[in-house]
Protein backbone atom coordinates (compact mmCIF):
# COMPACT_ATOMS: atom_id res chain seq x y z
CA MET A 1 0.28 -6.06 -12.80
CA PHE A 2 -2.30 -6.51 -10.05
CA GLU A 3 -1.12 -5.76 -6.50
CA ALA A 4 -3.55 -6.69 -3.73
CA CYS A 5 -3.35 -4.77 -0.46
CA VAL A 6 -3.82 -7.15 2.49
CA ASP A 7 -3.36 -7.04 6.26
CA SER A 8 -2.83 -10.68 7.20
CA ALA A 9 -1.05 -13.78 5.97
CA ALA A 10 -4.42 -15.45 5.37
CA ASP A 11 -5.54 -12.52 3.21
CA ALA A 12 -2.25 -12.63 1.31
CA GLU A 13 -2.84 -16.30 0.55
CA ALA A 14 -6.42 -15.54 -0.53
CA ALA A 15 -5.15 -12.82 -2.87
CA GLN A 16 -2.70 -15.23 -4.44
CA LEU A 17 -5.46 -17.82 -4.83
CA GLY A 18 -7.57 -15.20 -6.60
CA GLY A 19 -4.82 -14.45 -9.12
CA ALA A 20 -3.02 -11.39 -7.73
CA ASP A 21 0.48 -10.87 -9.13
CA ARG A 22 1.87 -9.29 -5.95
CA VAL A 23 0.70 -8.30 -2.47
CA GLU A 24 1.37 -5.35 -0.24
CA LEU A 25 1.31 -6.74 3.29
CA CYS A 26 0.57 -4.35 6.11
CA ASN A 27 -1.37 -4.14 9.34
CA GLY A 28 -4.26 -1.84 10.23
CA LEU A 29 -5.83 -1.11 6.86
CA ALA A 30 -8.51 0.88 8.68
CA VAL A 31 -5.85 3.50 9.48
CA GLY A 32 -4.19 3.40 6.08
CA GLY A 33 -1.77 0.58 6.86
CA ILE A 34 1.17 0.29 9.26
CA THR A 35 4.09 -2.12 9.57
CA PRO A 36 2.90 -5.74 9.83
CA SER A 37 4.09 -8.15 12.51
CA VAL A 38 7.11 -10.35 11.98
CA GLY A 39 4.90 -13.40 12.44
CA ALA A 40 2.49 -12.29 9.71
CA VAL A 41 5.29 -11.66 7.21
CA ARG A 42 7.06 -14.91 8.03
CA LEU A 43 3.86 -16.93 7.59
CA ALA A 44 3.07 -15.15 4.31
CA ARG A 45 6.58 -15.90 3.03
CA GLU A 46 6.04 -19.57 3.79
CA ARG A 47 2.73 -19.72 1.94
CA LEU A 48 3.18 -17.39 -1.04
CA THR A 49 5.03 -17.81 -4.30
CA ILE A 50 4.20 -14.28 -5.55
CA PRO A 51 6.23 -11.22 -4.43
CA ILE A 52 5.48 -9.54 -1.10
CA MET A 53 5.91 -5.80 -0.57
CA MET A 54 6.13 -5.03 3.16
CA MET A 55 4.74 -1.78 4.53
CA ILE A 56 7.21 0.23 6.62
CA ARG A 57 5.14 2.78 8.53
CA PRO A 58 5.68 3.11 12.29
CA ARG A 59 2.36 4.75 13.13
CA PRO A 60 -0.88 6.15 11.68
CA GLY A 61 -1.20 9.85 11.00
CA ASP A 62 1.04 12.26 9.11
CA PHE A 63 4.35 11.44 7.43
CA LEU A 64 6.56 13.90 9.30
CA TYR A 65 8.77 11.57 11.30
CA THR A 66 11.08 12.03 14.26
CA ALA A 67 14.64 10.70 14.29
CA ASP A 68 13.49 7.83 16.51
CA GLU A 69 10.70 6.91 14.07
CA ILE A 70 13.17 6.89 11.17
CA ASP A 71 15.39 4.59 13.23
CA VAL A 72 12.41 2.26 13.77
CA MET A 73 11.81 2.24 10.00
CA ARG A 74 15.45 1.34 9.36
CA ARG A 75 15.21 -1.55 11.80
CA ASP A 76 11.96 -2.75 10.22
CA ILE A 77 13.67 -2.67 6.82
CA ASP A 78 16.38 -4.90 8.32
CA VAL A 79 13.63 -7.33 9.36
CA ALA A 80 12.15 -7.19 5.84
CA LYS A 81 15.50 -8.21 4.40
CA GLU A 82 15.92 -11.02 6.90
CA LEU A 83 12.45 -12.36 6.06
CA GLY A 84 13.16 -12.32 2.33
CA VAL A 85 10.37 -10.08 1.03
CA TRP A 86 10.50 -8.64 -2.49
CA GLY A 87 10.37 -5.01 -1.46
CA VAL A 88 9.35 -2.35 1.03
CA VAL A 89 6.82 0.47 1.00
CA PHE A 90 7.44 3.74 2.81
CA GLY A 91 7.35 7.52 2.54
CA ALA A 92 8.36 10.63 4.48
CA LEU A 93 7.59 14.33 4.07
CA THR A 94 8.94 17.61 5.41
CA GLU A 95 6.87 20.14 7.36
CA ASP A 96 6.08 22.05 4.16
CA GLY A 97 4.86 18.96 2.31
CA ARG A 98 7.90 18.10 0.22
CA VAL A 99 9.43 14.66 -0.05
CA ASP A 100 11.99 14.46 2.77
CA ARG A 101 14.80 13.93 0.32
CA SER A 102 17.65 13.22 2.69
CA ARG A 103 15.73 10.77 4.87
CA VAL A 104 14.03 8.99 1.98
CA ALA A 105 17.38 8.72 0.16
CA ALA A 106 18.95 7.15 3.24
CA LEU A 107 16.06 4.68 3.61
CA VAL A 108 16.24 3.75 -0.07
CA GLU A 109 19.97 3.09 0.20
CA HIS A 110 19.39 1.07 3.36
CA ALA A 111 16.67 -0.97 1.66
CA ARG A 112 18.69 -2.07 -1.36
CA PRO A 113 18.64 -4.51 -3.08
CA LEU A 114 14.91 -4.62 -2.24
CA GLU A 115 12.45 -2.77 -4.48
CA VAL A 116 10.96 0.42 -3.05
CA THR A 117 7.46 1.85 -3.40
CA PHE A 118 6.74 5.36 -2.14
CA HIS A 119 3.27 5.10 -0.62
CA ARG A 120 0.34 7.51 -0.43
CA ALA A 121 2.31 10.05 1.55
CA PHE A 122 2.60 11.27 -2.04
CA ASP A 123 -1.09 12.18 -1.96
CA VAL A 124 -0.57 14.82 0.72
CA ALA A 125 2.58 16.30 -0.84
CA ALA A 126 2.34 20.01 -1.65
CA ASP A 127 3.40 19.69 -5.30
CA PRO A 128 2.84 16.26 -6.87
CA HIS A 129 5.01 16.87 -9.92
CA ASP A 130 7.89 18.17 -7.82
CA ALA A 131 7.48 15.12 -5.57
CA LEU A 132 7.50 12.83 -8.61
CA ASP A 133 10.74 14.39 -9.88
CA THR A 134 12.36 13.82 -6.48
CA LEU A 135 11.30 10.17 -6.40
CA ILE A 136 12.67 9.66 -9.92
CA ASP A 137 15.98 11.25 -8.88
CA LEU A 138 16.15 8.89 -5.91
CA GLY A 139 15.70 5.84 -8.14
CA ILE A 140 12.52 4.61 -6.49
CA GLU A 141 10.71 1.92 -8.50
CA ARG A 142 7.11 3.06 -8.07
CA VAL A 143 4.75 5.49 -6.40
CA LEU A 144 1.29 4.62 -5.13
CA THR A 145 -1.28 7.38 -5.59
CA SER A 146 -4.97 8.14 -5.72
CA GLY A 147 -4.20 11.34 -7.63
CA GLN A 148 -4.32 13.34 -4.37
CA GLU A 149 -8.05 12.68 -4.04
CA THR A 150 -10.18 10.38 -1.88
CA SER A 151 -10.55 7.95 -4.79
CA VAL A 152 -8.66 7.24 -8.02
CA THR A 153 -11.82 8.00 -9.98
CA GLN A 154 -11.59 11.59 -8.75
CA GLY A 155 -7.85 11.76 -9.30
CA VAL A 156 -7.59 10.31 -12.82
CA ARG A 157 -6.52 13.58 -14.45
CA LEU A 158 -3.56 14.02 -12.14
CA ILE A 159 -2.65 10.33 -12.38
CA ALA A 160 -2.69 10.55 -16.17
CA SER A 161 -0.41 13.60 -16.09
CA LEU A 162 1.95 11.82 -13.68
CA VAL A 163 2.12 8.73 -15.91
CA GLU A 164 2.96 10.99 -18.87
CA ALA A 165 5.57 12.94 -16.88
CA ALA A 166 7.14 9.77 -15.54
CA ALA A 167 7.80 8.56 -19.10
CA GLY A 168 8.73 5.10 -17.88
CA ARG A 169 11.29 6.32 -15.35
CA ILE A 170 9.08 5.34 -12.41
CA VAL A 171 5.87 3.30 -12.19
CA VAL A 172 2.84 5.38 -11.26
CA MET A 173 0.45 2.91 -9.62
CA PRO A 174 -3.16 4.01 -9.01
CA GLY A 175 -4.73 2.81 -5.78
CA CYS A 176 -7.61 3.60 -3.40
CA GLY A 177 -11.14 3.14 -4.68
CA LEU A 178 -10.30 0.81 -7.56
CA LYS A 179 -13.20 -1.60 -8.09
CA ARG A 180 -14.36 -4.06 -10.70
CA HIS A 181 -16.77 -1.55 -12.22
CA ASN A 182 -14.20 1.25 -12.68
CA VAL A 183 -10.81 -0.41 -13.22
CA ARG A 184 -11.02 -0.52 -17.01
CA GLN A 185 -11.97 3.16 -17.20
CA VAL A 186 -9.12 4.15 -14.88
CA VAL A 187 -6.59 2.23 -16.99
CA GLU A 188 -7.92 3.73 -20.21
CA LEU A 189 -7.86 7.28 -18.83
CA THR A 190 -4.47 7.09 -17.12
CA GLY A 191 -2.38 4.60 -19.08
CA ALA A 192 -1.35 2.93 -15.81
CA ARG A 193 0.05 -0.60 -16.04
CA GLU A 194 0.25 -1.52 -12.34
CA LEU A 195 -2.84 -1.41 -10.13
CA HIS A 196 -3.26 -1.50 -6.35
CA PHE A 197 -6.55 -2.72 -4.92
CA THR A 198 -8.37 -4.40 -2.06
CA ALA A 199 -10.98 -7.11 -2.48
CA ASP A 200 -12.30 -7.76 0.99
CA ALA A 201 -15.68 -8.80 2.30
CA VAL A 202 -17.14 -8.17 5.76
CA ARG A 203 -17.65 -11.31 7.78
CA GLU A 204 -19.48 -11.63 11.07
CA SER A 205 -17.46 -12.73 14.06
CA PRO A 206 -18.29 -16.25 15.30
CA MET A 207 -18.41 -14.91 18.87
CA THR A 208 -21.71 -15.82 20.57
CA HIS A 209 -21.05 -13.83 23.74
CA ARG A 210 -20.83 -10.11 22.97
CA ASN A 211 -20.53 -6.93 24.99
CA GLU A 212 -21.75 -4.27 22.57
CA ARG A 213 -21.27 -1.52 25.19
CA CYS A 214 -17.49 -1.80 25.05
CA ALA A 215 -15.32 -0.82 22.06
CA MET A 216 -11.57 -1.37 21.73
CA GLY A 217 -10.87 1.38 19.21
CA ALA A 218 -12.17 4.65 17.80
CA ALA A 219 -15.80 4.80 16.77
CA ALA A 220 -14.83 5.12 13.08
CA LEU A 221 -12.97 1.80 13.09
CA PRO A 222 -14.61 -1.56 12.36
CA GLY A 223 -16.38 -3.04 15.35
CA GLU A 224 -15.13 -5.93 17.44
CA TYR A 225 -17.72 -8.28 15.96
CA GLU A 226 -17.00 -7.91 12.26
CA ARG A 227 -13.96 -8.93 10.27
CA HIS A 228 -12.68 -7.78 6.90
CA ALA A 229 -11.11 -10.61 4.92
CA THR A 230 -9.81 -10.80 1.35
CA ASP A 231 -12.17 -12.82 -0.83
CA PRO A 232 -10.46 -14.83 -3.64
CA ASP A 233 -13.62 -14.62 -5.76
CA ARG A 234 -13.58 -10.83 -5.50
CA VAL A 235 -9.91 -10.79 -6.51
CA ARG A 236 -10.73 -12.93 -9.57
CA SER A 237 -13.68 -10.71 -10.42
CA PHE A 238 -11.56 -7.57 -10.22
CA ILE A 239 -8.80 -8.99 -12.41
CA SER A 240 -11.23 -10.47 -14.94
CA ALA A 241 -12.78 -7.01 -15.44
CA LEU A 242 -9.54 -5.99 -17.18
CA ARG A 243 -8.04 -9.22 -18.45
């Protein structure tokens, strides 16, 4: 199962064209993904026939949320249901790095009958195996993880141990750093059967007038005059490396 991570309706359509089985639709991939706009999800629903998983993350940064932020997440889940997506993607931790069991349980219950993926909040949990057990107890369908490393290629040992520990009770889905040249090795080393990837290309802005002195975001973010867009050919290439 190939899940493409995208941050626009156009990119979702490109991922489908390239052969993706499912998309995770979010906004702001440069900050790890946050909740997408209603307009983006609605347009994607109109254009896609494959399942859409909608990110539910109210802000960048850590996963220790206030009561107001949890309320925002509940309301965004309501929107997800109204828009008819396949599932939602969220996560929440306590101060000491454990899965926030009570809040996550409440969000899972609120999300049903939608599928639930626990996102890479898992990768900053204090004890990954304890976190996995909690997610299994809560009946969550899958967890997205890089093996608590910057890239799945560095985290393959942990991912493999999580897949073994899960024993089919939850899907352990590797993501972050999966590329055409390493996907087969990651699957062989981990035994994973669902994969999360991006397949974007940098495209120059068509703007002819530019003010290079002025930036709209942090210096680490992409500039105003370049765009990252999912490339259907790169999606096909990634999938063909395994299939």
